Structures are given as C-alpha cells and as structure tokens.
Amino acid sequence: MSLISAQKLSDIDHEFSSRSKIASMPVEERMLAYQRKVEQTANQRADEEMKRWKQMEIAAIRMAEREKQEQEMRERRKQVSFTRIVTANK
C-alpha cells in the first residue's frame, strides 16, 4: 500500500472516530461543544471584520493626508509663480 493510501485511511479512521465520539456524547455536551464552535467562529469573524475596518480607516487617513499635501504643494507653487512674476516686473 502506498503512503498516500495509508494517509487517506488514517484520515478516514480519525474522522470516523471523532464522529463516533461526538455521537456518544450526552446531548448537553454536544450542545456545549457546538456552542463553543459557534462562538469561536463568531470571534474569528469579528476579528477579521475589525482588521478590515482598521485597514480601511488607515487607507482613508493616508488618502486624506495625501490630498492635504497635494493642496499645500499647489499653494506653494502658486506663491512661487506669483513671486517670480512680481520680481520679473520690477
């Protein structure tokens, strides 16, 4: 038997044993296990959403700063251009 087939059989055995363990558990324990699983999934989703929100906030701040810097550069260019015109007319 090849290594892959042995691994597949081992995986199947593990899956079957874990399912049979769950089926033999009392209803209360199964409910608690399910509740823990649901809570873990909810926490993971909340963490992912928080990370996504933080990334979007950081991107928005960076964009606002970039726009602010571009506006400042436009103002400075206007001042330099105006200064050159004034000094050239003297």
N, C-alpha and C. Protein backbone atom coordinates (compact mmCIF):
# COMPACT_ATOMS: atom_id res chain seq x y z
N MET A 1 0.84 -1.18 0.00
CA MET A 1 0.00 0.00 0.00
C MET A 1 0.89 1.25 0.00
N SER A 2 0.52 2.20 -0.76
CA SER A 2 1.34 3.40 -0.85
C SER A 2 1.13 4.30 0.36
N LEU A 3 2.03 5.25 0.50
CA LEU A 3 1.97 6.18 1.63
C LEU A 3 0.72 7.05 1.56
N ILE A 4 0.33 7.41 0.36
CA ILE A 4 -0.85 8.27 0.21
C ILE A 4 -2.10 7.51 0.64
N SER A 5 -2.21 6.25 0.24
CA SER A 5 -3.37 5.45 0.63
C SER A 5 -3.40 5.24 2.13
N ALA A 6 -2.24 4.99 2.73
CA ALA A 6 -2.18 4.82 4.18
C ALA A 6 -2.60 6.09 4.89
N GLN A 7 -2.17 7.24 4.37
CA GLN A 7 -2.55 8.52 4.97
C GLN A 7 -4.06 8.76 4.84
N LYS A 8 -4.60 8.41 3.67
CA LYS A 8 -6.05 8.58 3.48
C LYS A 8 -6.83 7.69 4.44
N LEU A 9 -6.39 6.44 4.60
CA LEU A 9 -7.06 5.55 5.52
C LEU A 9 -6.96 6.06 6.96
N SER A 10 -5.81 6.59 7.30
CA SER A 10 -5.62 7.15 8.63
C SER A 10 -6.54 8.35 8.85
N ASP A 11 -6.66 9.20 7.83
CA ASP A 11 -7.57 10.35 7.92
C ASP A 11 -9.02 9.90 8.08
N ILE A 12 -9.41 8.87 7.33
CA ILE A 12 -10.78 8.36 7.42
C ILE A 12 -11.03 7.78 8.81
N ASP A 13 -10.07 7.01 9.33
CA ASP A 13 -10.21 6.45 10.67
C ASP A 13 -10.36 7.55 11.71
N HIS A 14 -9.54 8.58 11.57
CA HIS A 14 -9.60 9.70 12.52
C HIS A 14 -10.96 10.40 12.45
N GLU A 15 -11.43 10.64 11.25
CA GLU A 15 -12.73 11.30 11.07
C GLU A 15 -13.85 10.44 11.67
N PHE A 16 -13.82 9.14 11.40
CA PHE A 16 -14.85 8.25 11.93
C PHE A 16 -14.82 8.20 13.45
N SER A 17 -13.62 8.13 14.01
CA SER A 17 -13.53 8.06 15.47
C SER A 17 -14.01 9.35 16.12
N SER A 18 -13.69 10.49 15.49
CA SER A 18 -14.15 11.76 16.07
C SER A 18 -15.67 11.89 15.96
N ARG A 19 -16.24 11.41 14.87
CA ARG A 19 -17.70 11.46 14.73
C ARG A 19 -18.38 10.52 15.72
N SER A 20 -17.81 9.34 15.91
CA SER A 20 -18.44 8.40 16.84
C SER A 20 -18.31 8.91 18.27
N LYS A 21 -17.22 9.64 18.58
CA LYS A 21 -17.08 10.22 19.91
C LYS A 21 -18.16 11.28 20.14
N ILE A 22 -18.41 12.07 19.13
CA ILE A 22 -19.43 13.12 19.24
C ILE A 22 -20.81 12.50 19.41
N ALA A 23 -21.09 11.45 18.65
CA ALA A 23 -22.41 10.82 18.73
C ALA A 23 -22.63 10.16 20.09
N SER A 24 -21.57 9.70 20.73
CA SER A 24 -21.72 9.03 22.03
C SER A 24 -21.78 10.02 23.19
N MET A 25 -21.53 11.29 22.93
CA MET A 25 -21.56 12.30 23.98
C MET A 25 -23.01 12.59 24.36
N PRO A 26 -23.26 12.95 25.62
CA PRO A 26 -24.61 13.36 26.01
C PRO A 26 -25.01 14.64 25.25
N VAL A 27 -26.29 14.85 25.17
CA VAL A 27 -26.83 15.99 24.40
C VAL A 27 -26.27 17.31 24.93
N GLU A 28 -26.18 17.46 26.24
CA GLU A 28 -25.70 18.71 26.81
C GLU A 28 -24.26 18.99 26.38
N GLU A 29 -23.44 17.95 26.39
CA GLU A 29 -22.04 18.14 25.99
C GLU A 29 -21.94 18.49 24.51
N ARG A 30 -22.77 17.84 23.70
CA ARG A 30 -22.76 18.16 22.26
C ARG A 30 -23.20 19.60 22.03
N MET A 31 -24.21 20.03 22.78
CA MET A 31 -24.68 21.41 22.65
C MET A 31 -23.59 22.39 23.08
N LEU A 32 -22.90 22.10 24.17
CA LEU A 32 -21.82 22.97 24.63
C LEU A 32 -20.68 23.00 23.61
N ALA A 33 -20.35 21.84 23.05
CA ALA A 33 -19.30 21.79 22.03
C ALA A 33 -19.70 22.61 20.81
N TYR A 34 -20.95 22.48 20.41
CA TYR A 34 -21.45 23.25 19.27
C TYR A 34 -21.43 24.74 19.59
N GLN A 35 -21.85 25.09 20.80
CA GLN A 35 -21.86 26.50 21.19
C GLN A 35 -20.44 27.07 21.18
N ARG A 36 -19.48 26.32 21.68
CA ARG A 36 -18.08 26.79 21.66
C ARG A 36 -17.60 27.00 20.23
N LYS A 37 -17.97 26.07 19.36
CA LYS A 37 -17.56 26.17 17.96
C LYS A 37 -18.17 27.41 17.32
N VAL A 38 -19.45 27.65 17.58
CA VAL A 38 -20.14 28.82 17.01
C VAL A 38 -19.52 30.11 17.56
N GLU A 39 -19.25 30.13 18.85
CA GLU A 39 -18.63 31.32 19.44
C GLU A 39 -17.24 31.57 18.87
N GLN A 40 -16.48 30.49 18.68
CA GLN A 40 -15.14 30.64 18.10
C GLN A 40 -15.23 31.20 16.68
N THR A 41 -16.17 30.69 15.90
CA THR A 41 -16.36 31.19 14.54
C THR A 41 -16.78 32.66 14.56
N ALA A 42 -17.68 33.00 15.47
CA ALA A 42 -18.13 34.40 15.57
C ALA A 42 -16.98 35.32 15.97
N ASN A 43 -16.14 34.87 16.90
CA ASN A 43 -14.99 35.67 17.31
C ASN A 43 -14.00 35.86 16.17
N GLN A 44 -13.78 34.80 15.40
CA GLN A 44 -12.88 34.91 14.25
C GLN A 44 -13.42 35.90 13.24
N ARG A 45 -14.71 35.83 12.97
CA ARG A 45 -15.31 36.76 12.02
C ARG A 45 -15.23 38.20 12.52
N ALA A 46 -15.46 38.38 13.82
CA ALA A 46 -15.38 39.72 14.39
C ALA A 46 -13.95 40.25 14.30
N ASP A 47 -12.97 39.40 14.56
CA ASP A 47 -11.57 39.81 14.44
C ASP A 47 -11.23 40.18 13.01
N GLU A 48 -11.68 39.38 12.05
CA GLU A 48 -11.42 39.67 10.64
C GLU A 48 -12.07 40.98 10.23
N GLU A 49 -13.29 41.21 10.69
CA GLU A 49 -14.00 42.45 10.36
C GLU A 49 -13.29 43.66 10.97
N MET A 50 -12.79 43.51 12.20
CA MET A 50 -12.06 44.59 12.85
C MET A 50 -10.78 44.90 12.09
N LYS A 51 -10.07 43.88 11.66
CA LYS A 51 -8.85 44.10 10.88
C LYS A 51 -9.17 44.82 9.57
N ARG A 52 -10.25 44.37 8.90
CA ARG A 52 -10.64 45.01 7.64
C ARG A 52 -11.02 46.46 7.87
N TRP A 53 -11.75 46.74 8.96
CA TRP A 53 -12.16 48.11 9.27
C TRP A 53 -10.93 48.98 9.54
N LYS A 54 -9.98 48.45 10.30
CA LYS A 54 -8.76 49.22 10.61
C LYS A 54 -7.99 49.52 9.33
N GLN A 55 -7.89 48.54 8.44
CA GLN A 55 -7.18 48.77 7.18
C GLN A 55 -7.87 49.85 6.35
N MET A 56 -9.19 49.84 6.34
CA MET A 56 -9.92 50.86 5.59
C MET A 56 -9.73 52.23 6.21
N GLU A 57 -9.73 52.31 7.53
CA GLU A 57 -9.51 53.59 8.20
C GLU A 57 -8.11 54.13 7.91
N ILE A 58 -7.12 53.26 7.96
CA ILE A 58 -5.75 53.67 7.67
C ILE A 58 -5.64 54.17 6.24
N ALA A 59 -6.28 53.46 5.32
CA ALA A 59 -6.25 53.88 3.91
C ALA A 59 -6.93 55.25 3.74
N ALA A 60 -8.03 55.47 4.44
CA ALA A 60 -8.73 56.75 4.34
C ALA A 60 -7.87 57.88 4.90
N ILE A 61 -7.20 57.63 6.01
CA ILE A 61 -6.32 58.65 6.60
C ILE A 61 -5.17 58.97 5.65
N ARG A 62 -4.58 57.93 5.08
CA ARG A 62 -3.47 58.16 4.13
C ARG A 62 -3.94 58.97 2.93
N MET A 63 -5.12 58.67 2.43
CA MET A 63 -5.64 59.39 1.27
C MET A 63 -5.89 60.86 1.63
N ALA A 64 -6.44 61.09 2.80
CA ALA A 64 -6.71 62.48 3.22
C ALA A 64 -5.40 63.24 3.39
N GLU A 65 -4.38 62.60 3.96
CA GLU A 65 -3.08 63.25 4.11
C GLU A 65 -2.45 63.55 2.76
N ARG A 66 -2.57 62.60 1.84
CA ARG A 66 -2.01 62.81 0.50
C ARG A 66 -2.69 64.01 -0.17
N GLU A 67 -4.01 64.09 -0.07
CA GLU A 67 -4.74 65.22 -0.66
C GLU A 67 -4.32 66.53 -0.01
N LYS A 68 -4.14 66.51 1.30
CA LYS A 68 -3.72 67.71 2.02
C LYS A 68 -2.34 68.16 1.54
N GLN A 69 -1.42 67.22 1.40
CA GLN A 69 -0.07 67.56 0.94
C GLN A 69 -0.08 68.08 -0.49
N GLU A 70 -0.90 67.47 -1.34
CA GLU A 70 -1.00 67.94 -2.72
C GLU A 70 -1.56 69.37 -2.78
N GLN A 71 -2.54 69.67 -1.94
CA GLN A 71 -3.10 71.02 -1.90
C GLN A 71 -2.04 72.02 -1.43
N GLU A 72 -1.26 71.64 -0.41
CA GLU A 72 -0.20 72.52 0.07
C GLU A 72 0.83 72.77 -1.03
N MET A 73 1.16 71.74 -1.79
CA MET A 73 2.13 71.90 -2.88
C MET A 73 1.57 72.83 -3.96
N ARG A 74 0.29 72.70 -4.28
CA ARG A 74 -0.31 73.60 -5.27
C ARG A 74 -0.25 75.04 -4.79
N GLU A 75 -0.53 75.27 -3.50
CA GLU A 75 -0.48 76.62 -2.94
C GLU A 75 0.95 77.18 -3.01
N ARG A 76 1.91 76.37 -2.67
CA ARG A 76 3.31 76.83 -2.70
C ARG A 76 3.76 77.14 -4.13
N ARG A 77 3.33 76.32 -5.07
CA ARG A 77 3.69 76.58 -6.47
C ARG A 77 3.08 77.89 -6.94
N LYS A 78 1.84 78.16 -6.53
CA LYS A 78 1.20 79.43 -6.89
C LYS A 78 1.98 80.60 -6.30
N GLN A 79 2.41 80.46 -5.03
CA GLN A 79 3.17 81.53 -4.39
C GLN A 79 4.49 81.76 -5.10
N VAL A 80 5.18 80.67 -5.46
CA VAL A 80 6.47 80.80 -6.15
C VAL A 80 6.26 81.43 -7.51
N SER A 81 5.23 81.01 -8.21
CA SER A 81 4.94 81.56 -9.53
C SER A 81 4.61 83.05 -9.43
N PHE A 82 3.81 83.42 -8.45
CA PHE A 82 3.43 84.82 -8.24
C PHE A 82 4.67 85.64 -7.89
N THR A 83 5.53 85.09 -7.05
CA THR A 83 6.76 85.79 -6.66
C THR A 83 7.63 86.04 -7.89
N ARG A 84 7.75 85.07 -8.75
CA ARG A 84 8.56 85.23 -9.96
C ARG A 84 7.99 86.31 -10.88
N ILE A 85 6.65 86.33 -10.98
CA ILE A 85 6.03 87.34 -11.83
C ILE A 85 6.27 88.72 -11.27
N VAL A 86 6.10 88.87 -9.95
CA VAL A 86 6.29 90.17 -9.31
C VAL A 86 7.72 90.64 -9.45
N THR A 87 8.70 89.76 -9.21
CA THR A 87 10.11 90.16 -9.30
C THR A 87 10.51 90.41 -10.74
N ALA A 88 9.90 89.75 -11.69
CA ALA A 88 10.24 89.96 -13.10
C ALA A 88 9.70 91.30 -13.59
N ASN A 89 8.64 91.79 -13.02
CA ASN A 89 8.04 93.06 -13.44
C ASN A 89 8.74 94.26 -12.79
N LYS A 90 9.62 94.05 -11.85
CA LYS A 90 10.28 95.18 -11.19
C LYS A 90 11.38 95.74 -12.01
